[in-house]
Amino acid sequence: MHSCQDNFASMHMLALICSVIVDATTVRAQDSQGKPLSGQYAEVEKRSQVLNDQPSLDTTPITFSIGGSRYKVPRNYIVWMDNWKGGPQTLVRFKVTYPKFKPLDQKNTPCMSLAPLYRPSGCAPVEFIVANGAGGGGWPASDEEAFDNVRDLFHSQTPLSGPYGFELYETGPENARIETYRKRTPEHLLILSCFFQPSFTRRAAAVCNRQSRLADHNELEYHLYFDQLEAAQEIDEGFRSLVKSFTAPTK
């Protein structure tokens, strides 16, 4: 399976990347004049750091909050957060192994850090994000609502038969196809939007994005490669189980 270490989990992250790129020229110009970054430029510089993994073998728990929820997580599960001292966060990015969903440790460092060609067989790193679901005002849509909001764009309201028990809906022209995969799981409605372009030399390299409201109204965000679709339900359930285990009582 492909590594998820070089890509992010959601359109939220893609938008963040785009905003950083758009402002990068201005930031470089100000920096080249020898002036300290301040205001909006300092914020761009800060947000750009989301793109950088900061892994650690440290198992010391960090207590933090996202939205109205409080979490307590060993440091070695986390590769990025707004403030490493804890407290309120906008989003936190986690990285674990698949299929065991273990954090970074001495034994699995090759799995978590090496390129796929050199990685031990039977193990791959996967990432997910927990973000403030109320950031834009109001709670994010439920899985059912999110699906209904885009279904008018489908070529047909009658699904095709997809692999691994998924229903398949198609959107867009052939040269920019989006395939939406939907499957009812014991916990919720699992929906993955996969983006295909002619530039992909292999269909397996297409990226499938997922955003879903958690029980605490924060958002779970991640991406998988198309050749990970068979494991999508297990990966989704593993991420949700970890978030539940991280949740701490509110004071």
Protein backbone atom coordinates (compact mmCIF):
# COMPACT_ATOMS: atom_id res chain seq x y z
CA MET A 1 0.00 0.00 0.00
CA HIS A 2 1.08 3.57 -0.58
CA SER A 3 2.36 5.79 2.21
CA CYS A 4 0.16 8.62 3.45
CA GLN A 5 3.13 10.55 4.81
CA ASP A 6 3.50 12.98 1.88
CA ASN A 7 -0.15 13.97 1.39
CA PHE A 8 -2.90 15.27 3.59
CA ALA A 9 -6.24 14.04 4.58
CA SER A 10 -8.76 16.48 3.29
CA MET A 11 -9.87 19.41 1.24
CA HIS A 12 -9.39 21.42 4.45
CA MET A 13 -5.67 20.72 4.24
CA LEU A 14 -5.55 21.32 0.48
CA ALA A 15 -7.12 24.73 1.02
CA LEU A 16 -4.56 25.44 3.71
CA ILE A 17 -1.72 24.51 1.37
CA CYS A 18 -3.12 26.72 -1.40
CA SER A 19 -3.46 29.71 0.92
CA VAL A 20 0.13 29.29 2.04
CA ILE A 21 1.34 29.18 -1.56
CA VAL A 22 -0.67 32.25 -2.56
CA ASP A 23 0.85 34.32 0.24
CA ALA A 24 4.36 32.88 -0.01
CA THR A 25 5.66 35.50 -2.48
CA THR A 26 4.60 38.35 -0.23
CA VAL A 27 6.18 36.71 2.79
CA ARG A 28 9.46 36.15 0.95
CA ALA A 29 9.48 39.73 -0.26
CA GLN A 30 9.06 41.11 3.23
CA ASP A 31 11.63 38.72 4.63
CA SER A 32 14.16 39.63 1.90
CA GLN A 33 13.98 43.24 3.03
CA GLY A 34 15.24 42.20 6.45
CA LYS A 35 12.01 43.10 8.20
CA PRO A 36 10.57 40.81 10.87
CA LEU A 37 7.41 38.92 9.95
CA SER A 38 4.35 40.28 11.69
CA GLY A 39 0.56 40.24 11.46
CA GLN A 40 -0.81 38.24 8.53
CA TYR A 41 2.70 37.31 7.36
CA ALA A 42 3.57 35.74 10.68
CA GLU A 43 0.32 33.79 10.49
CA VAL A 44 1.19 32.49 7.01
CA GLU A 45 4.59 31.41 8.28
CA LYS A 46 2.97 29.63 11.22
CA ARG A 47 0.39 27.85 9.08
CA SER A 48 3.05 26.68 6.62
CA GLN A 49 4.53 24.58 9.41
CA VAL A 50 1.49 22.26 9.20
CA LEU A 51 3.22 20.74 6.19
CA ASN A 52 6.19 19.58 8.26
CA ASP A 53 6.17 16.34 10.24
CA GLN A 54 7.61 16.64 13.74
CA PRO A 55 7.72 13.00 14.90
CA SER A 56 9.02 11.97 18.32
CA LEU A 57 9.65 8.77 20.29
CA ASP A 58 8.56 10.57 23.47
CA THR A 59 5.56 8.87 25.08
CA THR A 60 4.75 11.68 27.52
CA PRO A 61 1.02 12.55 27.21
CA ILE A 62 -0.01 15.99 25.96
CA THR A 63 -3.37 17.33 27.10
CA PHE A 64 -5.11 19.64 24.65
CA SER A 65 -8.54 20.71 23.44
CA ILE A 66 -10.16 21.04 20.04
CA GLY A 67 -13.50 22.79 19.95
CA GLY A 68 -15.31 21.76 23.10
CA SER A 69 -13.51 18.43 23.45
CA ARG A 70 -10.48 17.57 25.56
CA TYR A 71 -7.90 14.95 24.60
CA LYS A 72 -4.89 13.36 26.26
CA VAL A 73 -2.48 11.78 23.77
CA PRO A 74 1.06 10.38 24.05
CA ARG A 75 3.45 12.61 22.11
CA ASN A 76 4.60 9.82 19.75
CA TYR A 77 1.14 9.65 18.12
CA ILE A 78 1.31 13.31 17.04
CA VAL A 79 3.27 14.78 14.12
CA TRP A 80 1.82 18.30 14.15
CA MET A 81 -0.21 20.59 16.41
CA ASP A 82 -0.58 24.34 16.89
CA ASN A 83 1.04 24.43 20.33
CA TRP A 84 3.19 21.57 21.62
CA LYS A 85 2.60 22.77 25.17
CA GLY A 86 -1.04 21.71 24.88
CA GLY A 87 -4.15 23.76 25.43
CA PRO A 88 -6.55 24.89 22.67
CA GLN A 89 -5.71 23.72 19.13
CA THR A 90 -7.21 24.31 15.68
CA LEU A 91 -6.19 20.91 14.35
CA VAL A 92 -3.88 18.07 15.32
CA ARG A 93 -2.30 15.60 12.90
CA PHE A 94 -1.61 12.02 13.95
CA LYS A 95 0.49 9.26 12.35
CA VAL A 96 0.28 5.54 13.13
CA THR A 97 1.07 2.22 11.52
CA TYR A 98 -1.39 0.11 9.58
CA PRO A 99 -2.67 -2.50 10.31
CA LYS A 100 -1.79 -2.27 14.02
CA PHE A 101 -2.48 1.48 14.53
CA LYS A 102 0.62 1.86 16.69
CA PRO A 103 2.49 5.16 17.23
CA LEU A 104 6.14 5.69 16.43
CA ASP A 105 8.51 3.55 18.47
CA GLN A 106 12.00 2.07 18.11
CA LYS A 107 10.73 -1.10 16.42
CA ASN A 108 8.49 0.46 13.80
CA THR A 109 10.71 3.41 12.83
CA PRO A 110 11.54 1.82 9.43
CA CYS A 111 7.82 1.41 8.70
CA MET A 112 7.08 5.00 9.67
CA SER A 113 10.01 6.73 8.00
CA LEU A 114 11.26 4.82 4.95
CA ALA A 115 10.04 5.11 1.37
CA PRO A 116 7.63 2.33 0.30
CA LEU A 117 10.33 0.44 -1.62
CA TYR A 118 12.45 0.04 1.54
CA ARG A 119 9.67 -0.30 4.07
CA PRO A 120 9.14 -3.64 5.89
CA SER A 121 6.41 -5.71 4.27
CA GLY A 122 3.01 -5.78 5.93
CA CYS A 123 3.23 -2.30 7.41
CA ALA A 124 2.46 1.22 6.19
CA PRO A 125 2.10 4.61 7.88
CA VAL A 126 -1.32 6.25 7.81
CA GLU A 127 -2.29 9.73 8.96
CA PHE A 128 -5.42 11.44 10.15
CA ILE A 129 -6.41 14.87 11.41
CA VAL A 130 -8.83 15.95 14.10
CA ALA A 131 -9.95 19.52 13.42
CA ASN A 132 -12.34 22.01 14.96
CA GLY A 133 -15.61 21.18 13.24
CA ALA A 134 -17.25 24.46 14.26
CA GLY A 135 -14.51 26.61 12.77
CA GLY A 136 -16.79 28.02 10.08
CA GLY A 137 -19.76 28.48 12.40
CA GLY A 138 -22.18 25.71 13.30
CA TRP A 139 -21.51 22.00 13.32
CA PRO A 140 -20.23 20.24 10.20
CA ALA A 141 -22.72 18.24 8.18
CA SER A 142 -23.44 14.65 9.14
CA ASP A 143 -22.28 11.93 6.73
CA GLU A 144 -25.80 11.62 5.31
CA GLU A 145 -26.16 15.39 4.89
CA ALA A 146 -22.75 15.71 3.25
CA PHE A 147 -23.71 13.01 0.74
CA ASP A 148 -27.09 14.59 -0.02
CA ASN A 149 -25.44 17.98 -0.57
CA VAL A 150 -23.51 16.68 -3.58
CA ARG A 151 -25.76 13.99 -5.00
CA ASP A 152 -27.30 16.36 -7.57
CA LEU A 153 -23.88 16.42 -9.23
CA PHE A 154 -23.83 12.66 -9.83
CA HIS A 155 -24.26 11.38 -13.38
CA SER A 156 -26.95 9.05 -12.07
CA GLN A 157 -28.86 8.67 -8.82
CA THR A 158 -28.69 4.91 -9.32
CA PRO A 159 -25.32 3.72 -8.01
CA LEU A 160 -22.96 1.47 -9.87
CA SER A 161 -21.67 -1.61 -8.10
CA GLY A 162 -18.28 -0.73 -6.67
CA PRO A 163 -15.60 -2.97 -5.16
CA TYR A 164 -15.51 -4.20 -1.54
CA GLY A 165 -19.21 -3.60 -0.91
CA PHE A 166 -19.18 0.08 -1.90
CA GLU A 167 -21.78 1.84 -4.00
CA LEU A 168 -20.18 3.99 -6.72
CA TYR A 169 -21.36 7.39 -7.99
CA GLU A 170 -19.56 9.33 -10.73
CA THR A 171 -19.13 13.09 -11.08
CA GLY A 172 -17.36 15.27 -13.62
CA PRO A 173 -15.96 14.75 -17.13
CA GLU A 174 -13.78 11.83 -18.08
CA ASN A 175 -10.60 13.92 -17.90
CA ALA A 176 -11.35 15.06 -14.33
CA ARG A 177 -13.44 12.29 -12.88
CA ILE A 178 -14.55 12.12 -9.24
CA GLU A 179 -15.78 8.78 -7.98
CA THR A 180 -17.74 8.76 -4.73
CA TYR A 181 -17.74 5.46 -2.84
CA ARG A 182 -20.40 4.90 -0.20
CA LYS A 183 -20.92 2.04 2.24
CA ARG A 184 -23.01 1.68 5.39
CA THR A 185 -20.84 0.43 8.27
CA PRO A 186 -21.94 -0.53 11.79
CA GLU A 187 -20.86 2.90 13.05
CA HIS A 188 -21.79 5.35 10.29
CA LEU A 189 -22.01 6.05 6.56
CA LEU A 190 -18.52 5.73 5.09
CA ILE A 191 -17.99 8.02 2.08
CA LEU A 192 -14.78 8.47 0.11
CA SER A 193 -14.31 10.88 -2.79
CA CYS A 194 -11.58 9.70 -5.18
CA PHE A 195 -10.03 12.03 -7.77
CA PHE A 196 -8.85 10.63 -11.10
CA GLN A 197 -6.93 12.56 -13.75
CA PRO A 198 -5.35 11.48 -17.05
CA SER A 199 -1.96 12.39 -15.61
CA PHE A 200 -2.19 9.42 -13.23
CA THR A 201 -0.07 6.69 -14.79
CA ARG A 202 -1.65 4.18 -12.44
CA ARG A 203 -5.23 4.21 -11.20
CA ALA A 204 -3.97 3.02 -7.81
CA ALA A 205 -2.25 6.39 -7.32
CA ALA A 206 -5.53 8.32 -7.25
CA VAL A 207 -6.24 10.02 -3.94
CA CYS A 208 -9.43 9.43 -1.95
CA ASN A 209 -10.42 12.07 0.61
CA ARG A 210 -12.57 11.72 3.68
CA GLN A 211 -14.15 14.27 6.02
CA SER A 212 -16.59 13.11 8.66
CA ARG A 213 -18.22 14.54 11.77
CA LEU A 214 -17.22 12.80 14.98
CA ALA A 215 -19.56 12.21 17.90
CA ASP A 216 -18.08 15.25 19.69
CA HIS A 217 -18.76 17.42 16.59
CA ASN A 218 -15.11 17.77 15.65
CA GLU A 219 -14.06 16.57 12.21
CA LEU A 220 -12.07 13.48 11.31
CA GLU A 221 -10.08 14.08 8.12
CA TYR A 222 -7.78 11.77 6.16
CA HIS A 223 -6.88 10.53 2.72
CA LEU A 224 -6.13 7.12 1.28
CA TYR A 225 -4.80 6.00 -2.06
CA PHE A 226 -7.22 4.18 -4.31
CA ASP A 227 -5.40 0.89 -3.82
CA GLN A 228 -6.18 1.18 -0.09
CA LEU A 229 -9.93 1.14 -0.73
CA GLU A 230 -10.20 -2.49 0.35
CA ALA A 231 -8.91 -1.51 3.80
CA ALA A 232 -10.84 1.77 4.03
CA GLN A 233 -13.46 0.56 6.52
CA GLU A 234 -10.86 -0.98 8.81
CA ILE A 235 -8.70 2.16 8.65
CA ASP A 236 -11.67 4.44 9.30
CA GLU A 237 -12.76 2.36 12.29
CA GLY A 238 -9.19 2.30 13.60
CA PHE A 239 -8.92 6.09 13.48
CA ARG A 240 -12.26 6.52 15.24
CA SER A 241 -11.30 4.04 17.92
CA LEU A 242 -8.08 5.96 18.59
CA VAL A 243 -9.93 9.28 18.89
CA LYS A 244 -12.31 7.72 21.41
CA SER A 245 -9.38 6.37 23.42
CA PHE A 246 -7.74 9.83 23.41
CA THR A 247 -10.85 11.63 24.69
CA ALA A 248 -10.49 12.89 28.26
CA PRO A 249 -13.17 14.15 30.65
CA THR A 250 -13.81 17.89 30.40
CA LYS A 251 -13.09 19.87 33.53
